[in-house]
């Protein structure tokens, strides 16, 4: 049996939960500019599978890479790191 490698994991913020069993997560990272040596904030949005529809907009979540689940979904929600403050 083949040993599987480590899956990539990222932490991001849920920006949309309007779909069924899917959330859109925005991941931010800091990249140093080659010439000016200043740090620039880069953002990426991922469609993430949320099996039990437990995530809401504003939640901070840990996502894990997985096999393709649909045309755009290649990530799954592992756990909710921090729930959003609700008013």
PDB file of N, CA and C in Angstrom:
ATOM      1  N   UNK A   1       0.838  -1.177   0.000  1.00  0.00           N
ATOM      2  CA  UNK A   1       0.000   0.000   0.000  1.00  0.00           C
ATOM      3  C   UNK A   1       0.881   1.237   0.000  1.00  0.00           C
ATOM      4  N   UNK A   2       0.548   2.228  -0.856  1.00  0.00           N
ATOM      5  CA  UNK A   2       1.329   3.451  -0.942  1.00  0.00           C
ATOM      6  C   UNK A   2       1.057   4.343   0.261  1.00  0.00           C
ATOM      7  N   UNK A   3       2.117   5.023   0.723  1.00  0.00           N
ATOM      8  CA  UNK A   3       1.955   5.989   1.805  1.00  0.00           C
ATOM      9  C   UNK A   3       1.634   7.339   1.181  1.00  0.00           C
ATOM     10  N   UNK A   4       0.576   7.978   1.657  1.00  0.00           N
ATOM     11  CA  UNK A   4       0.169   9.264   1.111  1.00  0.00           C
ATOM     12  C   UNK A   4       0.928  10.379   1.792  1.00  0.00           C
ATOM     13  N   UNK A   5       1.202  11.435   1.009  1.00  0.00           N
ATOM     14  CA  UNK A   5       1.917  12.582   1.551  1.00  0.00           C
ATOM     15  C   UNK A   5       1.021  13.469   2.380  1.00  0.00           C
ATOM     16  N   UNK A   6       1.617  14.480   2.967  1.00  0.00           N
ATOM     17  CA  UNK A   6       0.864  15.438   3.778  1.00  0.00           C
ATOM     18  C   UNK A   6       0.022  16.321   2.859  1.00  0.00           C
ATOM     19  N   UNK A   7      -1.201  16.557   3.271  1.00  0.00           N
ATOM     20  CA  UNK A   7      -2.086  17.443   2.515  1.00  0.00           C
ATOM     21  C   UNK A   7      -1.790  18.883   2.931  1.00  0.00           C
ATOM     22  N   UNK A   8      -1.922  19.812   1.979  1.00  0.00           N
ATOM     23  CA  UNK A   8      -1.732  21.224   2.315  1.00  0.00           C
ATOM     24  C   UNK A   8      -2.884  21.702   3.183  1.00  0.00           C
ATOM     25  N   UNK A   9      -2.571  22.555   4.151  1.00  0.00           N
ATOM     26  CA  UNK A   9      -3.592  23.135   5.005  1.00  0.00           C
ATOM     27  C   UNK A   9      -3.409  24.644   5.046  1.00  0.00           C
ATOM     28  N   UNK A  10      -4.517  25.375   4.986  1.00  0.00           N
ATOM     29  CA  UNK A  10      -4.499  26.827   5.014  1.00  0.00           C
ATOM     30  C   UNK A  10      -5.562  27.325   5.982  1.00  0.00           C
ATOM     31  N   UNK A  11      -5.337  28.522   6.526  1.00  0.00           N
ATOM     32  CA  UNK A  11      -6.320  29.154   7.404  1.00  0.00           C
ATOM     33  C   UNK A  11      -6.859  30.378   6.687  1.00  0.00           C
ATOM     34  N   UNK A  12      -8.184  30.523   6.656  1.00  0.00           N
ATOM     35  CA  UNK A  12      -8.786  31.658   5.966  1.00  0.00           C
ATOM     36  C   UNK A  12     -10.114  32.056   6.576  1.00  0.00           C
ATOM     37  N   UNK A  13     -10.705  33.096   5.993  1.00  0.00           N
ATOM     38  CA  UNK A  13     -11.960  33.664   6.477  1.00  0.00           C
ATOM     39  C   UNK A  13     -13.079  33.321   5.489  1.00  0.00           C
ATOM     40  N   UNK A  14     -14.221  32.883   6.002  1.00  0.00           N
ATOM     41  CA  UNK A  14     -15.379  32.580   5.153  1.00  0.00           C
ATOM     42  C   UNK A  14     -15.980  33.905   4.691  1.00  0.00           C
ATOM     43  N   UNK A  15     -16.075  34.093   3.362  1.00  0.00           N
ATOM     44  CA  UNK A  15     -16.633  35.331   2.815  1.00  0.00           C
ATOM     45  C   UNK A  15     -18.019  35.116   2.212  1.00  0.00           C
ATOM     46  N   UNK A  16     -18.409  33.858   1.956  1.00  0.00           N
ATOM     47  CA  UNK A  16     -19.735  33.584   1.418  1.00  0.00           C
ATOM     48  C   UNK A  16     -20.176  32.190   1.851  1.00  0.00           C
ATOM     49  N   UNK A  17     -21.439  32.086   2.299  1.00  0.00           N
ATOM     50  CA  UNK A  17     -22.004  30.782   2.659  1.00  0.00           C
ATOM     51  C   UNK A  17     -23.376  30.593   2.022  1.00  0.00           C
ATOM     52  N   UNK A  18     -23.584  31.199   0.854  1.00  0.00           N
ATOM     53  CA  UNK A  18     -24.884  31.185   0.206  1.00  0.00           C
ATOM     54  C   UNK A  18     -25.203  29.856  -0.507  1.00  0.00           C
ATOM     55  N   UNK A  19     -24.182  29.067  -0.814  1.00  0.00           N
ATOM     56  CA  UNK A  19     -24.407  27.815  -1.527  1.00  0.00           C
ATOM     57  C   UNK A  19     -24.659  26.667  -0.554  1.00  0.00           C
ATOM     58  N   UNK A  20     -25.212  25.577  -1.061  1.00  0.00           N
ATOM     59  CA  UNK A  20     -25.469  24.403  -0.242  1.00  0.00           C
ATOM     60  C   UNK A  20     -24.214  23.546  -0.173  1.00  0.00           C
ATOM     61  N   UNK A  21     -23.737  23.282   1.038  1.00  0.00           N
ATOM     62  CA  UNK A  21     -22.556  22.457   1.309  1.00  0.00           C
ATOM     63  C   UNK A  21     -21.268  23.035   0.721  1.00  0.00           C
ATOM     64  N   UNK A  22     -21.256  24.315   0.415  1.00  0.00           N
ATOM     65  CA  UNK A  22     -20.065  24.974  -0.131  1.00  0.00           C
ATOM     66  C   UNK A  22     -19.931  26.350   0.498  1.00  0.00           C
ATOM     67  N   UNK A  23     -18.698  26.712   0.864  1.00  0.00           N
ATOM     68  CA  UNK A  23     -18.399  28.065   1.331  1.00  0.00           C
ATOM     69  C   UNK A  23     -17.216  28.591   0.524  1.00  0.00           C
ATOM     70  N   UNK A  24     -17.141  29.910   0.415  1.00  0.00           N
ATOM     71  CA  UNK A  24     -16.000  30.544  -0.243  1.00  0.00           C
ATOM     72  C   UNK A  24     -15.110  31.094   0.861  1.00  0.00           C
ATOM     73  N   UNK A  25     -13.835  30.682   0.835  1.00  0.00           N
ATOM     74  CA  UNK A  25     -12.880  31.069   1.867  1.00  0.00           C
ATOM     75  C   UNK A  25     -11.792  31.924   1.240  1.00  0.00           C
ATOM     76  N   UNK A  26     -11.499  33.077   1.860  1.00  0.00           N
ATOM     77  CA  UNK A  26     -10.426  33.952   1.389  1.00  0.00           C
ATOM     78  C   UNK A  26      -9.211  33.750   2.289  1.00  0.00           C
ATOM     79  N   UNK A  27      -8.081  33.423   1.657  1.00  0.00           N
ATOM     80  CA  UNK A  27      -6.827  33.197   2.371  1.00  0.00           C
ATOM     81  C   UNK A  27      -5.889  34.340   2.034  1.00  0.00           C
ATOM     82  N   UNK A  28      -5.327  34.966   3.069  1.00  0.00           N
ATOM     83  CA  UNK A  28      -4.369  36.061   2.875  1.00  0.00           C
ATOM     84  C   UNK A  28      -2.968  35.578   3.217  1.00  0.00           C
ATOM     85  N   UNK A  29      -1.982  36.069   2.463  1.00  0.00           N
ATOM     86  CA  UNK A  29      -0.583  35.766   2.769  1.00  0.00           C
ATOM     87  C   UNK A  29       0.246  37.004   2.500  1.00  0.00           C
ATOM     88  N   UNK A  30       1.386  37.115   3.153  1.00  0.00           N
ATOM     89  CA  UNK A  30       2.282  38.250   2.962  1.00  0.00           C
ATOM     90  C   UNK A  30       3.433  37.822   2.072  1.00  0.00           C
ATOM     91  N   UNK A  31       3.720  38.626   1.044  1.00  0.00           N
ATOM     92  CA  UNK A  31       4.794  38.348   0.092  1.00  0.00           C
ATOM     93  C   UNK A  31       5.701  39.562   0.055  1.00  0.00           C
ATOM     94  N   UNK A  32       7.007  39.329   0.098  1.00  0.00           N
ATOM     95  CA  UNK A  32       7.948  40.442   0.045  1.00  0.00           C
ATOM     96  C   UNK A  32       8.176  40.872  -1.399  1.00  0.00           C
ATOM     97  N   UNK A  33       8.053  42.164  -1.663  1.00  0.00           N
ATOM     98  CA  UNK A  33       8.280  42.712  -3.001  1.00  0.00           C
ATOM     99  C   UNK A  33       9.758  42.560  -3.338  1.00  0.00           C
ATOM    100  N   UNK A  34      10.059  42.118  -4.570  1.00  0.00           N
ATOM    101  CA  UNK A  34      11.451  41.845  -4.938  1.00  0.00           C
ATOM    102  C   UNK A  34      12.315  43.088  -4.963  1.00  0.00           C
ATOM    103  N   UNK A  35      11.773  44.186  -5.470  1.00  0.00           N
ATOM    104  CA  UNK A  35      12.582  45.399  -5.586  1.00  0.00           C
ATOM    105  C   UNK A  35      12.526  46.254  -4.325  1.00  0.00           C
ATOM    106  N   UNK A  36      11.320  46.499  -3.832  1.00  0.00           N
ATOM    107  CA  UNK A  36      11.154  47.466  -2.749  1.00  0.00           C
ATOM    108  C   UNK A  36      11.230  46.854  -1.357  1.00  0.00           C
ATOM    109  N   UNK A  37      11.262  45.533  -1.274  1.00  0.00           N
ATOM    110  CA  UNK A  37      11.419  44.808  -0.011  1.00  0.00           C
ATOM    111  C   UNK A  37      10.307  45.077   1.004  1.00  0.00           C
ATOM    112  N   UNK A  38       9.170  45.581   0.525  1.00  0.00           N
ATOM    113  CA  UNK A  38       8.030  45.788   1.410  1.00  0.00           C
ATOM    114  C   UNK A  38       7.115  44.573   1.309  1.00  0.00           C
ATOM    115  N   UNK A  39       6.391  44.316   2.372  1.00  0.00           N
ATOM    116  CA  UNK A  39       5.469  43.192   2.356  1.00  0.00           C
ATOM    117  C   UNK A  39       4.128  43.604   1.764  1.00  0.00           C
ATOM    118  N   UNK A  40       3.638  42.783   0.837  1.00  0.00           N
ATOM    119  CA  UNK A  40       2.379  43.031   0.143  1.00  0.00           C
ATOM    120  C   UNK A  40       1.411  41.925   0.540  1.00  0.00           C
ATOM    121  N   UNK A  41       0.160  42.291   0.747  1.00  0.00           N
ATOM    122  CA  UNK A  41      -0.869  41.318   1.113  1.00  0.00           C
ATOM    123  C   UNK A  41      -1.477  40.733  -0.155  1.00  0.00           C
ATOM    124  N   UNK A  42      -1.389  39.416  -0.312  1.00  0.00           N
ATOM    125  CA  UNK A  42      -1.980  38.715  -1.460  1.00  0.00           C
ATOM    126  C   UNK A  42      -3.164  37.901  -0.974  1.00  0.00           C
ATOM    127  N   UNK A  43      -4.242  37.920  -1.752  1.00  0.00           N
ATOM    128  CA  UNK A  43      -5.455  37.192  -1.383  1.00  0.00           C
ATOM    129  C   UNK A  43      -5.796  36.155  -2.447  1.00  0.00           C
ATOM    130  N   UNK A  44      -6.362  35.046  -1.990  1.00  0.00           N
ATOM    131  CA  UNK A  44      -6.851  34.012  -2.904  1.00  0.00           C
ATOM    132  C   UNK A  44      -8.166  33.486  -2.348  1.00  0.00           C
ATOM    133  N   UNK A  45      -9.127  33.218  -3.237  1.00  0.00           N
ATOM    134  CA  UNK A  45     -10.417  32.681  -2.822  1.00  0.00           C
ATOM    135  C   UNK A  45     -10.513  31.221  -3.258  1.00  0.00           C
ATOM    136  N   UNK A  46     -11.011  30.381  -2.367  1.00  0.00           N
ATOM    137  CA  UNK A  46     -11.173  28.963  -2.642  1.00  0.00           C
ATOM    138  C   UNK A  46     -12.612  28.559  -2.378  1.00  0.00           C
ATOM    139  N   UNK A  47     -13.159  27.713  -3.257  1.00  0.00           N
ATOM    140  CA  UNK A  47     -14.452  27.085  -2.992  1.00  0.00           C
ATOM    141  C   UNK A  47     -14.168  25.850  -2.154  1.00  0.00           C
ATOM    142  N   UNK A  48     -14.819  25.764  -0.997  1.00  0.00           N
ATOM    143  CA  UNK A  48     -14.497  24.734  -0.013  1.00  0.00           C
ATOM    144  C   UNK A  48     -15.745  23.936   0.329  1.00  0.00           C
ATOM    145  N   UNK A  49     -15.585  22.621   0.439  1.00  0.00           N
ATOM    146  CA  UNK A  49     -16.699  21.733   0.778  1.00  0.00           C
ATOM    147  C   UNK A  49     -16.976  21.793   2.274  1.00  0.00           C
ATOM    148  N   UNK A  50     -18.224  22.078   2.651  1.00  0.00           N
ATOM    149  CA  UNK A  50     -18.672  22.153   4.042  1.00  0.00           C
ATOM    150  C   UNK A  50     -19.843  21.195   4.190  1.00  0.00           C
ATOM    151  N   UNK A  51     -19.563  19.985   4.604  1.00  0.00           N
ATOM    152  CA  UNK A  51     -20.548  18.907   4.578  1.00  0.00           C
ATOM    153  C   UNK A  51     -21.804  19.211   5.393  1.00  0.00           C
ATOM    154  N   UNK A  52     -21.653  19.746   6.602  1.00  0.00           N
ATOM    155  CA  UNK A  52     -22.817  19.944   7.466  1.00  0.00           C
ATOM    156  C   UNK A  52     -23.327  21.383   7.485  1.00  0.00           C
ATOM    157  N   UNK A  53     -22.888  22.211   6.548  1.00  0.00           N
ATOM    158  CA  UNK A  53     -23.303  23.624   6.471  1.00  0.00           C
ATOM    159  C   UNK A  53     -23.117  24.343   7.805  1.00  0.00           C
ATOM    160  N   UNK A  54     -22.000  24.071   8.494  1.00  0.00           N
ATOM    161  CA  UNK A  54     -21.756  24.635   9.819  1.00  0.00           C
ATOM    162  C   UNK A  54     -21.054  25.974   9.808  1.00  0.00           C
ATOM    163  N   UNK A  55     -20.468  26.368   8.687  1.00  0.00           N
ATOM    164  CA  UNK A  55     -19.704  27.616   8.622  1.00  0.00           C
ATOM    165  C   UNK A  55     -20.604  28.778   8.226  1.00  0.00           C
ATOM    166  N   UNK A  56     -20.355  29.910   8.835  1.00  0.00           N
ATOM    167  CA  UNK A  56     -21.077  31.137   8.515  1.00  0.00           C
ATOM    168  C   UNK A  56     -20.085  32.205   8.081  1.00  0.00           C
ATOM    169  N   UNK A  57     -20.566  33.260   7.436  1.00  0.00           N
ATOM    170  CA  UNK A  57     -19.716  34.355   6.988  1.00  0.00           C
ATOM    171  C   UNK A  57     -19.006  34.980   8.184  1.00  0.00           C
ATOM    172  N   UNK A  58     -17.683  35.149   8.052  1.00  0.00           N
ATOM    173  CA  UNK A  58     -16.886  35.742   9.121  1.00  0.00           C
ATOM    174  C   UNK A  58     -16.137  34.726   9.956  1.00  0.00           C
ATOM    175  N   UNK A  59     -16.470  33.439   9.837  1.00  0.00           N
ATOM    176  CA  UNK A  59     -15.757  32.404  10.593  1.00  0.00           C
ATOM    177  C   UNK A  59     -14.335  32.249  10.062  1.00  0.00           C
ATOM    178  N   UNK A  60     -13.410  31.933  10.978  1.00  0.00           N
ATOM    179  CA  UNK A  60     -12.035  31.622  10.587  1.00  0.00           C
ATOM    180  C   UNK A  60     -11.945  30.098  10.565  1.00  0.00           C
ATOM    181  N   UNK A  61     -11.540  29.509   9.427  1.00  0.00           N
ATOM    182  CA  UNK A  61     -11.559  28.054   9.271  1.00  0.00           C
ATOM    183  C   UNK A  61     -10.214  27.525   8.791  1.00  0.00           C
ATOM    184  N   UNK A  62      -9.961  26.268   9.132  1.00  0.00           N
ATOM    185  CA  UNK A  62      -8.793  25.540   8.635  1.00  0.00           C
ATOM    186  C   UNK A  62      -9.282  24.656   7.501  1.00  0.00           C
ATOM    187  N   UNK A  63      -8.683  24.815   6.309  1.00  0.00           N
ATOM    188  CA  UNK A  63      -9.101  24.015   5.154  1.00  0.00           C
ATOM    189  C   UNK A  63      -7.974  23.080   4.744  1.00  0.00           C
ATOM    190  N   UNK A  64      -8.353  21.914   4.228  1.00  0.00           N
ATOM    191  CA  UNK A  64      -7.395  20.885   3.840  1.00  0.00           C
ATOM    192  C   UNK A  64      -7.620  20.509   2.390  1.00  0.00           C
ATOM    193  N   UNK A  65      -6.537  20.328   1.670  1.00  0.00           N
ATOM    194  CA  UNK A  65      -6.589  19.928   0.265  1.00  0.00           C
ATOM    195  C   UNK A  65      -7.201  18.532   0.151  1.00  0.00           C
ATOM    196  N   UNK A  66      -8.003  18.301  -0.896  1.00  0.00           N
ATOM    197  CA  UNK A  66      -8.607  16.986  -1.100  1.00  0.00           C
ATOM    198  C   UNK A  66      -8.702  16.692  -2.592  1.00  0.00           C
ATOM    199  N   UNK A  67      -9.289  15.557  -2.900  1.00  0.00           N
ATOM    200  CA  UNK A  67      -9.492  15.211  -4.304  1.00  0.00           C
ATOM    201  C   UNK A  67     -10.547  16.149  -4.888  1.00  0.00           C
ATOM    202  N   UNK A  68     -10.614  16.287  -6.210  1.00  0.00           N
ATOM    203  CA  UNK A  68     -11.642  17.149  -6.799  1.00  0.00           C
ATOM    204  C   UNK A  68     -13.044  16.656  -6.452  1.00  0.00           C
ATOM    205  N   UNK A  69     -13.838  17.560  -5.863  1.00  0.00           N
ATOM    206  CA  UNK A  69     -15.206  17.223  -5.480  1.00  0.00           C
ATOM    207  C   UNK A  69     -16.206  17.754  -6.494  1.00  0.00           C
ATOM    208  N   UNK A  70     -15.831  18.784  -7.241  1.00  0.00           N
ATOM    209  CA  UNK A  70     -16.652  19.337  -8.316  1.00  0.00           C
ATOM    210  C   UNK A  70     -15.695  20.094  -9.238  1.00  0.00           C
ATOM    211  N   UNK A  71     -16.271  20.890 -10.120  1.00  0.00           N
ATOM    212  CA  UNK A  71     -15.430  21.631 -11.064  1.00  0.00           C
ATOM    213  C   UNK A  71     -14.517  22.631 -10.349  1.00  0.00           C
ATOM    214  N   UNK A  72     -14.990  23.229  -9.285  1.00  0.00           N
ATOM    215  CA  UNK A  72     -14.205  24.258  -8.594  1.00  0.00           C
ATOM    216  C   UNK A  72     -13.727  23.856  -7.203  1.00  0.00           C
ATOM    217  N   UNK A  73     -14.314  22.823  -6.602  1.00  0.00           N
ATOM    218  CA  UNK A  73     -13.975  22.473  -5.218  1.00  0.00           C
ATOM    219  C   UNK A  73     -12.861  21.444  -5.144  1.00  0.00           C
ATOM    220  N   UNK A  74     -11.746  21.847  -4.488  1.00  0.00           N
ATOM    221  CA  UNK A  74     -10.626  20.936  -4.244  1.00  0.00           C
ATOM    222  C   UNK A  74     -10.185  20.991  -2.792  1.00  0.00           C
ATOM    223  N   UNK A  75     -10.996  21.599  -1.927  1.00  0.00           N
ATOM    224  CA  UNK A  75     -10.655  21.774  -0.523  1.00  0.00           C
ATOM    225  C   UNK A  75     -11.851  21.369   0.340  1.00  0.00           C
ATOM    226  N   UNK A  76     -11.571  20.984   1.603  1.00  0.00           N
ATOM    227  CA  UNK A  76     -12.599  20.642   2.580  1.00  0.00           C
ATOM    228  C   UNK A  76     -12.360  21.440   3.853  1.00  0.00           C
ATOM    229  N   UNK A  77     -13.430  21.757   4.573  1.00  0.00           N
ATOM    230  CA  UNK A  77     -13.285  22.409   5.875  1.00  0.00           C
ATOM    231  C   UNK A  77     -12.856  21.348   6.881  1.00  0.00           C
ATOM    232  N   UNK A  78     -11.697  21.554   7.528  1.00  0.00           N
ATOM    233  CA  UNK A  78     -11.241  20.629   8.569  1.00  0.00           C
ATOM    234  C   UNK A  78     -11.881  20.967   9.904  1.00  0.00           C
ATOM    235  N   UNK A  79     -11.784  22.252  10.290  1.00  0.00           N
ATOM    236  CA  UNK A  79     -12.402  22.673  11.542  1.00  0.00           C
ATOM    237  C   UNK A  79     -12.577  24.180  11.547  1.00  0.00           C
ATOM    238  N   UNK A  80     -13.465  24.635  12.400  1.00  0.00           N
ATOM    239  CA  UNK A  80     -13.674  26.067  12.583  1.00  0.00           C
ATOM    240  C   UNK A  80     -12.718  26.518  13.680  1.00  0.00           C
ATOM    241  N   UNK A  81     -11.785  27.411  13.335  1.00  0.00           N
ATOM    242  CA  UNK A  81     -10.802  27.892  14.297  1.00  0.00           C
ATOM    243  C   UNK A  81     -11.437  28.899  15.244  1.00  0.00           C
ATOM    244  N   UNK A  82     -12.238  29.825  14.679  1.00  0.00           N
ATOM    245  CA  UNK A  82     -12.872  30.867  15.486  1.00  0.00           C
ATOM    246  C   UNK A  82     -14.208  31.228  14.849  1.00  0.00           C
ATOM    247  N   UNK A  83     -15.271  31.208  15.676  1.00  0.00           N
ATOM    248  CA  UNK A  83     -16.584  31.580  15.181  1.00  0.00           C
ATOM    249  C   UNK A  83     -16.694  33.087  15.047  1.00  0.00           C
ATOM    250  N   UNK A  84     -17.511  33.545  14.097  1.00  0.00           N
ATOM    251  CA  UNK A  84     -17.739  34.975  13.895  1.00  0.00           C
ATOM    252  C   UNK A  84     -18.581  35.541  15.036  1.00  0.00           C
ATOM    253  N   UNK A  85     -18.343  36.798  15.348  1.00  0.00           N
ATOM    254  CA  UNK A  85     -19.138  37.465  16.374  1.00  0.00           C
ATOM    255  C   UNK A  85     -20.482  37.828  15.777  1.00  0.00           C
ATOM    256  N   UNK A  86     -21.562  37.337  16.381  1.00  0.00           N
ATOM    257  CA  UNK A  86     -22.902  37.644  15.868  1.00  0.00           C
ATOM    258  C   UNK A  86     -23.564  38.671  16.768  1.00  0.00           C
ATOM    259  N   UNK A  87     -24.272  39.598  16.149  1.00  0.00           N
ATOM    260  CA  UNK A  87     -24.928  40.660  16.908  1.00  0.00           C
ATOM    261  C   UNK A  87     -26.370  40.347  17.211  1.00  0.00           C
TER     262      UNK A  87
END
